[in-house]
Structure formats: structure tokens, C-alpha cells
């Protein structure tokens, strides 16, 4: 996503096919999974050591890893760029976290990073699939309640729908 971010800064505009390719890649490689139970890893008393380390690790000025774990994905996605996440994940301190906490942090960050991208592009794909017959607010409500597997199925259905239309032409 940091590469996409850089391309967009230089004027490249993704189209629906680009977005679908990225979405399928992310699902294929497990980069976006259903929500992690953040409470289990970040808030229990048994993980005080993690909390002390998380307060010390910063992703941006005034935003520690601990702060990030307390934010809901929709709140957090406004605060950081994809490049910020990338820079943070290659730091030695982050990579030295205990495995369970490292995995939980990565899952939480993926949910944040992919969330906005998916919502924008899945909305576009869903509107096309429904031939723009549903109001955007209804579509948004539907999409926000879907699991990641359902989002992928929407993408695949759009591709199937597009190939059928091309065969009919």
C-alpha cells in the first residue's frame, strides 16, 4: 500500500481493475483478516510488559503503539499513512515484541490500513454490481457489516458480471 501511496502522490490514479488486483492479492496472502480480539492481547493484566513496551514505541509524534491499540480502526486510519506503518514495522523494537503481541499488532494495523482502501473500492464495485439501483447509504450499511470473505466474493462477482457483459457484446 505504501507503493500505491507513492504512485498516487506522483499522479497515478488507480482504476477499478488495479484496485481489484490489489484486493485479490491481499486476500490471497492473508493480509486482511477479520478483526483481531484486541482486548485479549492488549488490555489484559497478564500483558503489562507489552503495555510498557507499547507506550514507548511511537508510530508518529504523539501516537504510540499503545495509543494505536486503543483506537478503533476507523479512527486510526485518519492518523497515519501507509508509509508510516511500513517504517514502523521495520523497526527492531517492534520486531522484538513477543510473537502473540506482534501478530496481534500486525493484524490490527492491517485492518486499519486495508479498511479505508477496501471501503472506497468495494463501494465502487458494489454499486456497479447492483447497477447503481441502491442508494449509497444503503450500500455503505451493507458493506460495513460484511466479513472480509464476503467482500472478496463481491469483487469476484463483479469480475464475473463484467466478463458476461463482454460476452454479450
Protein backbone atom coordinates (compact mmCIF):
# COMPACT_ATOMS: atom_id res chain seq x y z
CA UNK A 1 0.00 0.00 0.00
CA UNK A 2 2.97 2.31 0.54
CA UNK A 3 3.85 1.80 -3.13
CA UNK A 4 0.30 2.74 -4.15
CA UNK A 5 0.53 5.78 -1.90
CA UNK A 6 3.74 6.88 -3.64
CA UNK A 7 2.30 6.29 -7.10
CA UNK A 8 -0.75 8.39 -6.25
CA UNK A 9 1.47 11.20 -4.95
CA UNK A 10 3.14 11.23 -8.37
CA UNK A 11 -0.19 11.50 -10.16
CA UNK A 12 -1.11 7.89 -10.91
CA UNK A 13 -4.79 7.14 -10.41
CA UNK A 14 -5.89 3.62 -9.67
CA UNK A 15 -8.77 2.29 -11.70
CA UNK A 16 -11.19 -0.44 -10.66
CA UNK A 17 -9.07 -3.20 -12.21
CA UNK A 18 -5.98 -2.02 -10.30
CA UNK A 19 -7.95 -1.96 -7.05
CA UNK A 20 -9.43 -5.42 -7.67
CA UNK A 21 -5.95 -6.79 -8.34
CA UNK A 22 -4.69 -5.35 -5.04
CA UNK A 23 -7.73 -6.61 -3.14
CA UNK A 24 -7.41 -10.14 -4.54
CA UNK A 25 -3.68 -10.13 -3.75
CA UNK A 26 -4.34 -9.06 -0.17
CA UNK A 27 -6.92 -11.80 0.35
CA UNK A 28 -4.75 -14.44 -1.31
CA UNK A 29 -1.86 -13.62 1.02
CA UNK A 30 -3.99 -13.19 4.16
CA UNK A 31 -3.14 -9.51 4.58
CA UNK A 32 -6.64 -8.62 5.69
CA UNK A 33 -8.38 -10.93 8.06
CA UNK A 34 -11.38 -10.48 10.28
CA UNK A 35 -10.92 -8.30 13.34
CA UNK A 36 -8.47 -9.41 15.95
CA UNK A 37 -9.68 -9.63 19.54
CA UNK A 38 -7.64 -6.62 20.63
CA UNK A 39 -8.76 -6.93 24.26
CA UNK A 40 -7.23 -10.39 24.55
CA UNK A 41 -3.76 -9.20 23.58
CA UNK A 42 -3.61 -5.57 24.54
CA UNK A 43 -5.69 -4.91 27.64
CA UNK A 44 -5.36 -7.89 29.94
CA UNK A 45 -3.34 -7.56 33.14
CA UNK A 46 -1.20 -10.51 32.10
CA UNK A 47 0.34 -8.37 29.37
CA UNK A 48 1.67 -5.47 31.38
CA UNK A 49 5.15 -5.96 29.88
CA UNK A 50 3.72 -5.49 26.41
CA UNK A 51 1.88 -2.36 27.52
CA UNK A 52 5.08 -0.81 28.85
CA UNK A 53 6.88 -1.51 25.59
CA UNK A 54 3.89 -0.33 23.51
CA UNK A 55 3.82 3.01 25.34
CA UNK A 56 7.46 3.54 24.39
CA UNK A 57 7.15 2.62 20.68
CA UNK A 58 5.93 5.51 18.52
CA UNK A 59 4.44 5.43 15.06
CA UNK A 60 4.25 9.21 14.77
CA UNK A 61 4.71 12.18 17.08
CA UNK A 62 2.13 11.89 19.86
CA UNK A 63 0.99 8.41 18.77
CA UNK A 64 2.42 5.35 20.49
CA UNK A 65 1.69 1.75 19.63
CA UNK A 66 -0.31 1.64 22.85
CA UNK A 67 -2.42 4.59 21.64
CA UNK A 68 -2.98 2.85 18.32
CA UNK A 69 -4.16 -0.34 20.01
CA UNK A 70 -6.79 1.66 21.90
CA UNK A 71 -8.19 3.29 18.76
CA UNK A 72 -10.85 1.74 16.59
CA UNK A 73 -9.68 1.17 13.01
CA UNK A 74 -11.86 3.95 11.53
CA UNK A 75 -10.36 6.46 13.98
CA UNK A 76 -6.79 5.29 13.47
CA UNK A 77 -6.87 5.27 9.66
CA UNK A 78 -7.07 9.06 9.64
CA UNK A 79 -3.86 9.46 11.63
CA UNK A 80 -1.21 7.56 9.66
CA UNK A 81 -0.12 6.98 6.10
CA UNK A 82 0.77 3.59 4.66
CA UNK A 83 4.41 4.70 4.71
CA UNK A 84 4.16 5.42 8.45
CA UNK A 85 3.08 1.82 9.05
CA UNK A 86 5.85 0.46 6.85
CA UNK A 87 8.55 2.50 8.61
CA UNK A 88 7.27 1.38 11.98
CA UNK A 89 7.11 -2.32 11.12
CA UNK A 90 10.76 -2.48 10.10
CA UNK A 91 11.98 -1.09 13.44
CA UNK A 92 13.90 -3.55 15.61
CA UNK A 93 11.89 -2.73 18.73
CA UNK A 94 8.63 -3.64 17.00
CA UNK A 95 10.07 -6.84 15.58
CA UNK A 96 11.30 -7.91 19.02
CA UNK A 97 7.80 -8.00 20.54
CA UNK A 98 6.62 -11.40 21.80
CA UNK A 99 5.13 -13.37 18.91
CA UNK A 100 1.50 -13.26 20.08
CA UNK A 101 1.61 -9.49 20.53
CA UNK A 102 3.50 -8.97 17.27
CA UNK A 103 0.88 -10.97 15.36
CA UNK A 104 -1.98 -9.11 17.07
CA UNK A 105 -0.37 -5.73 16.29
CA UNK A 106 0.20 -6.63 12.65
CA UNK A 107 -3.39 -7.86 12.30
CA UNK A 108 -4.71 -4.67 13.91
CA UNK A 109 -2.54 -2.48 11.66
CA UNK A 110 -3.60 -4.42 8.56
CA UNK A 111 -7.23 -3.96 9.48
CA UNK A 112 -6.65 -0.21 9.78
CA UNK A 113 -4.60 0.11 6.58
CA UNK A 114 -6.80 -2.03 4.39
CA UNK A 115 -10.07 -0.82 5.87
CA UNK A 116 -10.24 2.54 4.16
CA UNK A 117 -8.92 1.20 0.85
CA UNK A 118 -11.48 -1.60 0.86
CA UNK A 119 -14.40 0.59 1.81
CA UNK A 120 -13.71 3.02 -1.03
CA UNK A 121 -13.16 0.40 -3.71
CA UNK A 122 -15.67 -2.18 -2.54
CA UNK A 123 -18.30 0.58 -2.56
CA UNK A 124 -17.46 1.31 -6.19
CA UNK A 125 -17.53 -2.38 -7.07
CA UNK A 126 -20.77 -2.97 -5.16
CA UNK A 127 -22.51 -0.04 -6.86
CA UNK A 128 -21.52 -1.42 -10.27
CA UNK A 129 -22.69 -4.90 -9.28
CA UNK A 130 -26.06 -3.51 -8.18
CA UNK A 131 -26.18 -1.33 -11.31
CA UNK A 132 -26.48 1.80 -9.15
CA UNK A 133 -30.04 0.85 -8.11
CA UNK A 134 -29.45 1.12 -4.34
CA UNK A 135 -28.81 4.38 -2.50
CA UNK A 136 -25.21 4.89 -1.38
CA UNK A 137 -26.20 4.97 2.29
CA UNK A 138 -27.83 1.54 1.96
CA UNK A 139 -24.77 0.19 0.17
CA UNK A 140 -22.47 1.60 2.86
CA UNK A 141 -24.58 -0.01 5.61
CA UNK A 142 -24.45 -3.37 3.83
CA UNK A 143 -20.70 -3.23 3.17
CA UNK A 144 -19.77 -2.22 6.70
CA UNK A 145 -21.49 -5.34 8.07
CA UNK A 146 -19.81 -7.81 5.74
CA UNK A 147 -16.93 -10.10 6.62
CA UNK A 148 -13.74 -9.99 4.56
CA UNK A 149 -14.66 -13.19 2.68
CA UNK A 150 -17.93 -11.57 1.60
CA UNK A 151 -16.03 -8.53 0.32
CA UNK A 152 -13.85 -10.79 -1.80
CA UNK A 153 -16.95 -12.51 -3.19
CA UNK A 154 -18.32 -9.11 -4.22
CA UNK A 155 -15.10 -8.41 -6.10
CA UNK A 156 -15.20 -11.79 -7.82
CA UNK A 157 -18.89 -11.38 -8.67
CA UNK A 158 -18.16 -8.07 -10.34
CA UNK A 159 -15.46 -9.68 -12.47
CA UNK A 160 -17.85 -12.48 -13.47
CA UNK A 161 -20.58 -9.92 -14.24
CA UNK A 162 -18.16 -7.87 -16.36
CA UNK A 163 -16.97 -10.93 -18.33
CA UNK A 164 -20.59 -11.95 -19.01
CA UNK A 165 -21.37 -8.45 -20.29
CA UNK A 166 -18.33 -8.59 -22.58
CA UNK A 167 -19.51 -11.93 -24.00
CA UNK A 168 -22.96 -10.48 -24.70
CA UNK A 169 -21.49 -7.55 -26.66
